PDB file of N, CA and C in Angstrom:
ATOM      1  N   MET A   1       7.702   1.494 -27.357  1.00  0.00           N
ATOM      2  CA  MET A   1       7.681   0.642 -26.179  1.00  0.00           C
ATOM      3  C   MET A   1       6.799  -0.570 -26.466  1.00  0.00           C
ATOM      4  N   ALA A   2       7.300  -1.735 -26.141  1.00  0.00           N
ATOM      5  CA  ALA A   2       6.556  -2.977 -26.375  1.00  0.00           C
ATOM      6  C   ALA A   2       5.465  -3.156 -25.331  1.00  0.00           C
ATOM      7  N   ILE A   3       4.425  -3.848 -25.719  1.00  0.00           N
ATOM      8  CA  ILE A   3       3.340  -4.174 -24.804  1.00  0.00           C
ATOM      9  C   ILE A   3       3.772  -5.387 -23.986  1.00  0.00           C
ATOM     10  N   PRO A   4       3.686  -5.318 -22.650  1.00  0.00           N
ATOM     11  CA  PRO A   4       4.118  -6.450 -21.828  1.00  0.00           C
ATOM     12  C   PRO A   4       3.223  -7.674 -22.026  1.00  0.00           C
ATOM     13  N   ALA A   5       3.793  -8.839 -21.794  1.00  0.00           N
ATOM     14  CA  ALA A   5       3.052 -10.091 -21.947  1.00  0.00           C
ATOM     15  C   ALA A   5       1.977 -10.244 -20.871  1.00  0.00           C
ATOM     16  N   ARG A   6       2.240  -9.692 -19.684  1.00  0.00           N
ATOM     17  CA  ARG A   6       1.296  -9.819 -18.572  1.00  0.00           C
ATOM     18  C   ARG A   6       1.120  -8.488 -17.857  1.00  0.00           C
ATOM     19  N   MET A   7      -0.003  -8.403 -17.161  1.00  0.00           N
ATOM     20  CA  MET A   7      -0.261  -7.286 -16.274  1.00  0.00           C
ATOM     21  C   MET A   7      -0.571  -7.875 -14.895  1.00  0.00           C
ATOM     22  N   ILE A   8       0.127  -7.383 -13.886  1.00  0.00           N
ATOM     23  CA  ILE A   8      -0.120  -7.799 -12.511  1.00  0.00           C
ATOM     24  C   ILE A   8      -0.847  -6.646 -11.837  1.00  0.00           C
ATOM     25  N   ILE A   9      -2.089  -6.907 -11.461  1.00  0.00           N
ATOM     26  CA  ILE A   9      -2.961  -5.870 -10.912  1.00  0.00           C
ATOM     27  C   ILE A   9      -3.081  -6.087  -9.406  1.00  0.00           C
ATOM     28  N   VAL A  10      -2.807  -5.044  -8.637  1.00  0.00           N
ATOM     29  CA  VAL A  10      -2.838  -5.135  -7.182  1.00  0.00           C
ATOM     30  C   VAL A  10      -3.900  -4.180  -6.654  1.00  0.00           C
ATOM     31  N   CYS A  11      -4.876  -4.734  -5.937  1.00  0.00           N
ATOM     32  CA  CYS A  11      -5.942  -3.902  -5.372  1.00  0.00           C
ATOM     33  C   CYS A  11      -5.365  -2.972  -4.314  1.00  0.00           C
ATOM     34  N   GLN A  12      -5.739  -1.714  -4.393  1.00  0.00           N
ATOM     35  CA  GLN A  12      -5.327  -0.731  -3.396  1.00  0.00           C
ATOM     36  C   GLN A  12      -6.526  -0.070  -2.724  1.00  0.00           C
ATOM     37  N   SER A  13      -7.711  -0.642  -2.929  1.00  0.00           N
ATOM     38  CA  SER A  13      -8.938  -0.252  -2.229  1.00  0.00           C
ATOM     39  C   SER A  13      -9.409   1.167  -2.498  1.00  0.00           C
ATOM     40  N   PHE A  14      -8.941   1.803  -3.552  1.00  0.00           N
ATOM     41  CA  PHE A  14      -9.375   3.166  -3.837  1.00  0.00           C
ATOM     42  C   PHE A  14     -10.847   3.152  -4.219  1.00  0.00           C
ATOM     43  N   ARG A  15     -11.627   4.048  -3.622  1.00  0.00           N
ATOM     44  CA  ARG A  15     -13.048   4.137  -3.901  1.00  0.00           C
ATOM     45  C   ARG A  15     -13.312   5.321  -4.823  1.00  0.00           C
ATOM     46  N   VAL A  16     -14.513   5.414  -5.307  1.00  0.00           N
ATOM     47  CA  VAL A  16     -14.896   6.475  -6.231  1.00  0.00           C
ATOM     48  C   VAL A  16     -14.576   7.849  -5.657  1.00  0.00           C
ATOM     49  N   ALA A  17     -14.801   8.034  -4.376  1.00  0.00           N
ATOM     50  CA  ALA A  17     -14.557   9.331  -3.749  1.00  0.00           C
ATOM     51  C   ALA A  17     -13.069   9.588  -3.514  1.00  0.00           C
ATOM     52  N   GLY A  18     -12.218   8.605  -3.870  1.00  0.00           N
ATOM     53  CA  GLY A  18     -10.791   8.796  -3.720  1.00  0.00           C
ATOM     54  C   GLY A  18     -10.226   8.332  -2.403  1.00  0.00           C
ATOM     55  N   GLU A  19     -11.086   7.808  -1.511  1.00  0.00           N
ATOM     56  CA  GLU A  19     -10.612   7.341  -0.222  1.00  0.00           C
ATOM     57  C   GLU A  19     -10.129   5.901  -0.311  1.00  0.00           C
ATOM     58  N   SER A  20      -9.056   5.602   0.385  1.00  0.00           N
ATOM     59  CA  SER A  20      -8.577   4.231   0.479  1.00  0.00           C
ATOM     60  C   SER A  20      -9.140   3.647   1.761  1.00  0.00           C
ATOM     61  N   LYS A  21      -9.973   2.620   1.635  1.00  0.00           N
ATOM     62  CA  LYS A  21     -10.637   2.108   2.817  1.00  0.00           C
ATOM     63  C   LYS A  21     -10.335   0.659   3.125  1.00  0.00           C
ATOM     64  N   GLY A  22     -10.477  -0.233   2.263  1.00  0.00           N
ATOM     65  CA  GLY A  22     -10.558  -1.649   2.562  1.00  0.00           C
ATOM     66  C   GLY A  22      -9.306  -2.324   3.067  1.00  0.00           C
ATOM     67  N   LEU A  23      -9.437  -3.609   3.220  1.00  0.00           N
ATOM     68  CA  LEU A  23      -8.396  -4.497   3.704  1.00  0.00           C
ATOM     69  C   LEU A  23      -7.153  -4.448   2.826  1.00  0.00           C
ATOM     70  N   CYS A  24      -7.332  -4.424   1.527  1.00  0.00           N
ATOM     71  CA  CYS A  24      -6.189  -4.471   0.607  1.00  0.00           C
ATOM     72  C   CYS A  24      -5.237  -3.303   0.842  1.00  0.00           C
ATOM     73  N   HIS A  25      -5.783  -2.111   0.962  1.00  0.00           N
ATOM     74  CA  HIS A  25      -4.952  -0.921   1.175  1.00  0.00           C
ATOM     75  C   HIS A  25      -4.192  -1.012   2.499  1.00  0.00           C
ATOM     76  N   LYS A  26      -4.867  -1.479   3.537  1.00  0.00           N
ATOM     77  CA  LYS A  26      -4.263  -1.536   4.864  1.00  0.00           C
ATOM     78  C   LYS A  26      -3.159  -2.581   4.963  1.00  0.00           C
ATOM     79  N   GLN A  27      -3.264  -3.653   4.187  1.00  0.00           N
ATOM     80  CA  GLN A  27      -2.316  -4.756   4.321  1.00  0.00           C
ATOM     81  C   GLN A  27      -1.279  -4.837   3.209  1.00  0.00           C
ATOM     82  N   THR A  28      -1.262  -3.882   2.305  1.00  0.00           N
ATOM     83  CA  THR A  28      -0.319  -3.975   1.192  1.00  0.00           C
ATOM     84  C   THR A  28       0.646  -2.801   1.112  1.00  0.00           C
ATOM     85  N   ASP A  29       0.885  -2.138   2.216  1.00  0.00           N
ATOM     86  CA  ASP A  29       1.814  -1.019   2.222  1.00  0.00           C
ATOM     87  C   ASP A  29       3.201  -1.489   1.787  1.00  0.00           C
ATOM     88  N   GLY A  30       3.714  -0.914   0.733  1.00  0.00           N
ATOM     89  CA  GLY A  30       5.032  -1.269   0.229  1.00  0.00           C
ATOM     90  C   GLY A  30       5.043  -2.444  -0.732  1.00  0.00           C
ATOM     91  N   PHE A  31       3.913  -3.134  -0.912  1.00  0.00           N
ATOM     92  CA  PHE A  31       3.869  -4.310  -1.769  1.00  0.00           C
ATOM     93  C   PHE A  31       4.106  -3.973  -3.234  1.00  0.00           C
ATOM     94  N   LEU A  32       3.591  -2.862  -3.698  1.00  0.00           N
ATOM     95  CA  LEU A  32       3.772  -2.507  -5.105  1.00  0.00           C
ATOM     96  C   LEU A  32       5.253  -2.405  -5.452  1.00  0.00           C
ATOM     97  N   GLN A  33       6.006  -1.749  -4.609  1.00  0.00           N
ATOM     98  CA  GLN A  33       7.440  -1.609  -4.848  1.00  0.00           C
ATOM     99  C   GLN A  33       8.118  -2.971  -4.808  1.00  0.00           C
ATOM    100  N   TYR A  34       7.746  -3.819  -3.834  1.00  0.00           N
ATOM    101  CA  TYR A  34       8.338  -5.143  -3.725  1.00  0.00           C
ATOM    102  C   TYR A  34       8.030  -5.983  -4.967  1.00  0.00           C
ATOM    103  N   ILE A  35       6.780  -5.971  -5.401  1.00  0.00           N
ATOM    104  CA  ILE A  35       6.388  -6.740  -6.584  1.00  0.00           C
ATOM    105  C   ILE A  35       7.146  -6.237  -7.806  1.00  0.00           C
ATOM    106  N   GLU A  36       7.199  -4.926  -7.973  1.00  0.00           N
ATOM    107  CA  GLU A  36       7.907  -4.336  -9.120  1.00  0.00           C
ATOM    108  C   GLU A  36       9.377  -4.755  -9.121  1.00  0.00           C
ATOM    109  N   GLU A  37      10.026  -4.693  -7.970  1.00  0.00           N
ATOM    110  CA  GLU A  37      11.430  -5.080  -7.877  1.00  0.00           C
ATOM    111  C   GLU A  37      11.612  -6.558  -8.211  1.00  0.00           C
ATOM    112  N   GLU A  38      10.722  -7.401  -7.709  1.00  0.00           N
ATOM    113  CA  GLU A  38      10.801  -8.843  -7.984  1.00  0.00           C
ATOM    114  C   GLU A  38      10.571  -9.136  -9.461  1.00  0.00           C
ATOM    115  N   VAL A  39       9.620  -8.468 -10.061  1.00  0.00           N
ATOM    116  CA  VAL A  39       9.346  -8.653 -11.493  1.00  0.00           C
ATOM    117  C   VAL A  39      10.591  -8.290 -12.301  1.00  0.00           C
ATOM    118  N   LEU A  40      11.222  -7.170 -11.967  1.00  0.00           N
ATOM    119  CA  LEU A  40      12.438  -6.750 -12.677  1.00  0.00           C
ATOM    120  C   LEU A  40      13.591  -7.716 -12.422  1.00  0.00           C
ATOM    121  N   ASP A  41      13.799  -8.111 -11.157  1.00  0.00           N
ATOM    122  CA  ASP A  41      14.887  -9.026 -10.810  1.00  0.00           C
ATOM    123  C   ASP A  41      14.736 -10.381 -11.503  1.00  0.00           C
ATOM    124  N   ARG A  42      13.500 -10.826 -11.670  1.00  0.00           N
ATOM    125  CA  ARG A  42      13.234 -12.134 -12.278  1.00  0.00           C
ATOM    126  C   ARG A  42      13.171 -12.058 -13.805  1.00  0.00           C
ATOM    127  N   GLY A  43      13.172 -10.841 -14.331  1.00  0.00           N
ATOM    128  CA  GLY A  43      13.099 -10.672 -15.775  1.00  0.00           C
ATOM    129  C   GLY A  43      11.743 -11.026 -16.357  1.00  0.00           C
ATOM    130  N   LEU A  44      10.693 -10.894 -15.553  1.00  0.00           N
ATOM    131  CA  LEU A  44       9.341 -11.180 -16.043  1.00  0.00           C
ATOM    132  C   LEU A  44       8.864 -10.051 -16.949  1.00  0.00           C
ATOM    133  N   ASP A  45       8.205 -10.399 -18.014  1.00  0.00           N
ATOM    134  CA  ASP A  45       7.656  -9.411 -18.946  1.00  0.00           C
ATOM    135  C   ASP A  45       6.256  -9.039 -18.461  1.00  0.00           C
ATOM    136  N   ALA A  46       6.218  -8.188 -17.425  1.00  0.00           N
ATOM    137  CA  ALA A  46       4.941  -7.848 -16.796  1.00  0.00           C
ATOM    138  C   ALA A  46       4.957  -6.394 -16.328  1.00  0.00           C
ATOM    139  N   LEU A  47       3.791  -5.794 -16.374  1.00  0.00           N
ATOM    140  CA  LEU A  47       3.570  -4.441 -15.874  1.00  0.00           C
ATOM    141  C   LEU A  47       2.802  -4.559 -14.564  1.00  0.00           C
ATOM    142  N   VAL A  48       3.277  -3.904 -13.506  1.00  0.00           N
ATOM    143  CA  VAL A  48       2.613  -3.921 -12.207  1.00  0.00           C
ATOM    144  C   VAL A  48       1.759  -2.663 -12.093  1.00  0.00           C
ATOM    145  N   VAL A  49       0.478  -2.858 -11.741  1.00  0.00           N
ATOM    146  CA  VAL A  49      -0.479  -1.757 -11.719  1.00  0.00           C
ATOM    147  C   VAL A  49      -1.279  -1.770 -10.424  1.00  0.00           C
ATOM    148  N   ALA A  50      -1.435  -0.608  -9.796  1.00  0.00           N
ATOM    149  CA  ALA A  50      -2.345  -0.447  -8.659  1.00  0.00           C
ATOM    150  C   ALA A  50      -3.720  -0.123  -9.215  1.00  0.00           C
ATOM    151  N   THR A  51      -4.739  -0.679  -8.612  1.00  0.00           N
ATOM    152  CA  THR A  51      -6.087  -0.449  -9.119  1.00  0.00           C
ATOM    153  C   THR A  51      -7.031  -0.046  -7.998  1.00  0.00           C
ATOM    154  N   SER A  52      -8.199   0.361  -8.415  1.00  0.00           N
ATOM    155  CA  SER A  52      -9.250   0.673  -7.451  1.00  0.00           C
ATOM    156  C   SER A  52      -9.774  -0.634  -6.856  1.00  0.00           C
ATOM    157  N   CYS A  53     -10.749  -0.527  -5.987  1.00  0.00           N
ATOM    158  CA  CYS A  53     -11.309  -1.689  -5.297  1.00  0.00           C
ATOM    159  C   CYS A  53     -11.785  -2.733  -6.307  1.00  0.00           C
ATOM    160  N   LEU A  54     -11.386  -3.978  -6.083  1.00  0.00           N
ATOM    161  CA  LEU A  54     -11.783  -5.090  -6.947  1.00  0.00           C
ATOM    162  C   LEU A  54     -13.001  -5.835  -6.400  1.00  0.00           C
ATOM    163  N   LYS A  55     -13.605  -5.290  -5.353  1.00  0.00           N
ATOM    164  CA  LYS A  55     -14.859  -5.822  -4.787  1.00  0.00           C
ATOM    165  C   LYS A  55     -14.719  -7.267  -4.298  1.00  0.00           C
ATOM    166  N   GLN A  56     -13.546  -7.596  -3.748  1.00  0.00           N
ATOM    167  CA  GLN A  56     -13.292  -8.925  -3.185  1.00  0.00           C
ATOM    168  C   GLN A  56     -12.742  -8.788  -1.768  1.00  0.00           C
ATOM    169  N   CYS A  57     -13.271  -7.838  -1.024  1.00  0.00           N
ATOM    170  CA  CYS A  57     -12.726  -7.480   0.278  1.00  0.00           C
ATOM    171  C   CYS A  57     -12.627  -8.664   1.245  1.00  0.00           C
ATOM    172  N   GLU A  58     -13.590  -9.573   1.184  1.00  0.00           N
ATOM    173  CA  GLU A  58     -13.581 -10.714   2.109  1.00  0.00           C
ATOM    174  C   GLU A  58     -12.414 -11.655   1.832  1.00  0.00           C
ATOM    175  N   SER A  59     -11.772 -11.538   0.683  1.00  0.00           N
ATOM    176  CA  SER A  59     -10.658 -12.413   0.318  1.00  0.00           C
ATOM    177  C   SER A  59      -9.333 -11.668   0.204  1.00  0.00           C
ATOM    178  N   GLY A  60      -9.343 -10.392   0.497  1.00  0.00           N
ATOM    179  CA  GLY A  60      -8.176  -9.558   0.263  1.00  0.00           C
ATOM    180  C   GLY A  60      -7.004  -9.842   1.167  1.00  0.00           C
ATOM    181  N   PRO A  61      -5.899  -9.265   0.829  1.00  0.00           N
ATOM    182  CA  PRO A  61      -5.564  -8.490  -0.355  1.00  0.00           C
ATOM    183  C   PRO A  61      -5.592  -9.332  -1.630  1.00  0.00           C
ATOM    184  N   ILE A  62      -5.997  -8.688  -2.718  1.00  0.00           N
ATOM    185  CA  ILE A  62      -6.197  -9.352  -4.006  1.00  0.00           C
ATOM    186  C   ILE A  62      -5.129  -8.915  -5.004  1.00  0.00           C
ATOM    187  N   MET A  63      -4.643  -9.896  -5.765  1.00  0.00           N
ATOM    188  CA  MET A  63      -3.718  -9.641  -6.869  1.00  0.00           C
ATOM    189  C   MET A  63      -4.224 -10.439  -8.065  1.00  0.00           C
ATOM    190  N   VAL A  64      -4.232  -9.825  -9.243  1.00  0.00           N
ATOM    191  CA  VAL A  64      -4.741 -10.475 -10.456  1.00  0.00           C
ATOM    192  C   VAL A  64      -3.637 -10.475 -11.509  1.00  0.00           C
ATOM    193  N   VAL A  65      -3.498 -11.610 -12.192  1.00  0.00           N
ATOM    194  CA  VAL A  65      -2.544 -11.711 -13.299  1.00  0.00           C
ATOM    195  C   VAL A  65      -3.340 -11.865 -14.586  1.00  0.00           C
ATOM    196  N   GLN A  66      -3.104 -10.944 -15.510  1.00  0.00           N
ATOM    197  CA  GLN A  66      -3.744 -10.977 -16.824  1.00  0.00           C
ATOM    198  C   GLN A  66      -2.678 -11.214 -17.881  1.00  0.00           C
ATOM    199  N   PRO A  67      -2.904 -11.888 -18.965  1.00  0.00           N
ATOM    200  CA  PRO A  67      -4.210 -12.249 -19.498  1.00  0.00           C
ATOM    201  C   PRO A  67      -4.768 -13.578 -18.987  1.00  0.00           C
ATOM    202  N   GLU A  68      -4.040 -14.269 -18.094  1.00  0.00           N
ATOM    203  CA  GLU A  68      -4.511 -15.562 -17.608  1.00  0.00           C
ATOM    204  C   GLU A  68      -5.798 -15.455 -16.786  1.00  0.00           C
ATOM    205  N   ASN A  69      -6.052 -14.267 -16.241  1.00  0.00           N
ATOM    206  CA  ASN A  69      -7.201 -14.011 -15.371  1.00  0.00           C
ATOM    207  C   ASN A  69      -7.143 -14.846 -14.091  1.00  0.00           C
ATOM    208  N   TRP A  70      -5.929 -14.966 -13.541  1.00  0.00           N
ATOM    209  CA  TRP A  70      -5.732 -15.651 -12.265  1.00  0.00           C
ATOM    210  C   TRP A  70      -5.912 -14.632 -11.149  1.00  0.00           C
ATOM    211  N   TRP A  71      -6.858 -14.892 -10.262  1.00  0.00           N
ATOM    212  CA  TRP A  71      -7.140 -14.035  -9.117  1.00  0.00           C
ATOM    213  C   TRP A  71      -6.569 -14.708  -7.875  1.00  0.00           C
ATOM    214  N   PHE A  72      -5.709 -13.987  -7.168  1.00  0.00           N
ATOM    215  CA  PHE A  72      -5.097 -14.518  -5.962  1.00  0.00           C
ATOM    216  C   PHE A  72      -5.623 -13.784  -4.737  1.00  0.00           C
ATOM    217  N   ARG A  73      -5.925 -14.521  -3.706  1.00  0.00           N
ATOM    218  CA  ARG A  73      -6.483 -13.980  -2.463  1.00  0.00           C
ATOM    219  C   ARG A  73      -5.451 -14.074  -1.347  1.00  0.00           C
ATOM    220  N   GLY A  74      -5.635 -13.271  -0.338  1.00  0.00           N
ATOM    221  CA  GLY A  74      -4.772 -13.336   0.843  1.00  0.00           C
ATOM    222  C   GLY A  74      -3.306 -13.051   0.569  1.00  0.00           C
ATOM    223  N   VAL A  75      -3.044 -12.160  -0.368  1.00  0.00           N
ATOM    224  CA  VAL A  75      -1.665 -11.809  -0.720  1.00  0.00           C
ATOM    225  C   VAL A  75      -1.202 -10.733   0.255  1.00  0.00           C
ATOM    226  N   ASN A  76      -0.816 -11.179   1.454  1.00  0.00           N
ATOM    227  CA  ASN A  76      -0.523 -10.220   2.524  1.00  0.00           C
ATOM    228  C   ASN A  76       0.899 -10.332   3.076  1.00  0.00           C
ATOM    229  N   SER A  77       1.801 -10.944   2.291  1.00  0.00           N
ATOM    230  CA  SER A  77       3.188 -11.046   2.747  1.00  0.00           C
ATOM    231  C   SER A  77       4.125 -11.172   1.550  1.00  0.00           C
ATOM    232  N   GLU A  78       5.392 -10.901   1.784  1.00  0.00           N
ATOM    233  CA  GLU A  78       6.386 -11.086   0.733  1.00  0.00           C
ATOM    234  C   GLU A  78       6.485 -12.558   0.354  1.00  0.00           C
ATOM    235  N   GLU A  79       6.283 -13.445   1.322  1.00  0.00           N
ATOM    236  CA  GLU A  79       6.297 -14.888   1.052  1.00  0.00           C
ATOM    237  C   GLU A  79       5.205 -15.265   0.049  1.00  0.00           C
ATOM    238  N   ALA A  80       4.007 -14.722   0.240  1.00  0.00           N
ATOM    239  CA  ALA A  80       2.898 -14.994  -0.679  1.00  0.00           C
ATOM    240  C   ALA A  80       3.234 -14.488  -2.081  1.00  0.00           C
ATOM    241  N   ILE A  81       3.777 -13.280  -2.154  1.00  0.00           N
ATOM    242  CA  ILE A  81       4.156 -12.707  -3.447  1.00  0.00           C
ATOM    243  C   ILE A  81       5.208 -13.579  -4.118  1.00  0.00           C
ATOM    244  N   ASP A  82       6.208 -14.006  -3.347  1.00  0.00           N
ATOM    245  CA  ASP A  82       7.261 -14.851  -3.905  1.00  0.00           C
ATOM    246  C   ASP A  82       6.697 -16.158  -4.446  1.00  0.00           C
ATOM    247  N   GLU A  83       5.797 -16.787  -3.713  1.00  0.00           N
ATOM    248  CA  GLU A  83       5.193 -18.039  -4.174  1.00  0.00           C
ATOM    249  C   GLU A  83       4.406 -17.836  -5.465  1.00  0.00           C
ATOM    250  N   ILE A  84       3.664 -16.745  -5.529  1.00  0.00           N
ATOM    251  CA  ILE A  84       2.878 -16.452  -6.730  1.00  0.00           C
ATOM    252  C   ILE A  84       3.797 -16.200  -7.924  1.00  0.00           C
ATOM    253  N   LEU A  85       4.846 -15.404  -7.718  1.00  0.00           N
ATOM    254  CA  LEU A  85       5.772 -15.113  -8.812  1.00  0.00           C
ATOM    255  C   LEU A  85       6.599 -16.338  -9.207  1.00  0.00           C
ATOM    256  N   ASP A  86       6.961 -17.178  -8.229  1.00  0.00           N
ATOM    257  CA  ASP A  86       7.667 -18.425  -8.542  1.00  0.00           C
ATOM    258  C   ASP A  86       6.823 -19.284  -9.475  1.00  0.00           C
ATOM    259  N   ALA A  87       5.555 -19.438  -9.139  1.00  0.00           N
ATOM    260  CA  ALA A  87       4.651 -20.240  -9.966  1.00  0.00           C
ATOM    261  C   ALA A  87       4.449 -19.589 -11.334  1.00  0.00           C
ATOM    262  N   LEU A  88       4.363 -18.276 -11.347  1.00  0.00           N
ATOM    263  CA  LEU A  88       4.183 -17.555 -12.604  1.00  0.00           C
ATOM    264  C   LEU A  88       5.360 -17.800 -13.548  1.00  0.00           C
ATOM    265  N   GLU A  89       6.560 -17.855 -12.982  1.00  0.00           N
ATOM    266  CA  GLU A  89       7.743 -18.154 -13.795  1.00  0.00           C
ATOM    267  C   GLU A  89       7.635 -19.537 -14.445  1.00  0.00           C
ATOM    268  N   GLU A  90       6.920 -20.437 -13.792  1.00  0.00           N
ATOM    269  CA  GLU A  90       6.718 -21.787 -14.325  1.00  0.00           C
ATOM    270  C   GLU A  90       5.488 -21.874 -15.230  1.00  0.00           C
ATOM    271  N   GLY A  91       4.766 -20.750 -15.346  1.00  0.00           N
ATOM    272  CA  GLY A  91       3.575 -20.720 -16.189  1.00  0.00           C
ATOM    273  C   GLY A  91       2.346 -21.302 -15.535  1.00  0.00           C
ATOM    274  N   GLU A  92       2.360 -21.396 -14.217  1.00  0.00           N
ATOM    275  CA  GLU A  92       1.250 -21.983 -13.458  1.00  0.00           C
ATOM    276  C   GLU A  92       0.772 -21.000 -12.399  1.00  0.00           C
ATOM    277  N   PRO A  93      -0.497 -21.151 -11.970  1.00  0.00           N
ATOM    278  CA  PRO A  93      -0.952 -20.333 -10.844  1.00  0.00           C
ATOM    279  C   PRO A  93      -0.499 -20.943  -9.523  1.00  0.00           C
ATOM    280  N   ALA A  94      -0.287 -20.119  -8.517  1.00  0.00           N
ATOM    281  CA  ALA A  94       0.048 -20.594  -7.171  1.00  0.00           C
ATOM    282  C   ALA A  94      -1.252 -21.065  -6.521  1.00  0.00           C
ATOM    283  N   GLU A  95      -1.457 -22.357  -6.509  1.00  0.00           N
ATOM    284  CA  GLU A  95      -2.731 -22.956  -6.069  1.00  0.00           C
ATOM    285  C   GLU A  95      -3.133 -22.527  -4.655  1.00  0.00           C
ATOM    286  N   ASP A  96      -2.167 -22.355  -3.744  1.00  0.00           N
ATOM    287  CA  ASP A  96      -2.497 -22.003  -2.362  1.00  0.00           C
ATOM    288  C   ASP A  96      -3.185 -20.648  -2.237  1.00  0.00           C
ATOM    289  N   TYR A  97      -2.982 -19.783  -3.206  1.00  0.00           N
ATOM    290  CA  TYR A  97      -3.544 -18.433  -3.147  1.00  0.00           C
ATOM    291  C   TYR A  97      -4.616 -18.179  -4.192  1.00  0.00           C
ATOM    292  N   LEU A  98      -4.846 -19.141  -5.057  1.00  0.00           N
ATOM    293  CA  LEU A  98      -5.819 -18.969  -6.137  1.00  0.00           C
ATOM    294  C   LEU A  98      -7.229 -18.841  -5.591  1.00  0.00           C
ATOM    295  N   ALA A  99      -7.914 -17.780  -5.970  1.00  0.00           N
ATOM    296  CA  ALA A  99      -9.298 -17.568  -5.545  1.00  0.00           C
ATOM    297  C   ALA A  99     -10.208 -18.518  -6.336  1.00  0.00           C
ATOM    298  N   ALA A 100     -11.235 -18.976  -5.658  1.00  0.00           N
ATOM    299  CA  ALA A 100     -12.153 -19.933  -6.310  1.00  0.00           C
ATOM    300  C   ALA A 100     -12.993 -19.264  -7.374  1.00  0.00           C
TER     301      ALA A 100
END
């Protein structure tokens, strides 16, 4: 199996004790499946991964694209995901969602 060119990391607010608490978990129900489907439909060479808390709760939901290290804030809708993936296809970050 080839190593993907990118990894799309989606915060799911999992804490050490295993509890899902934060904003990201509450506002991203179903997002992982949507992102995965969009990545496949667009033919992007990326792996979608759920992660533990990324410690950016005040800006959540958070999505990170590696290896570019682009951190996106407020990813709370399919529209936001589409804009981010559209820009990613062009090799650019979606400026409206880019965390400072």
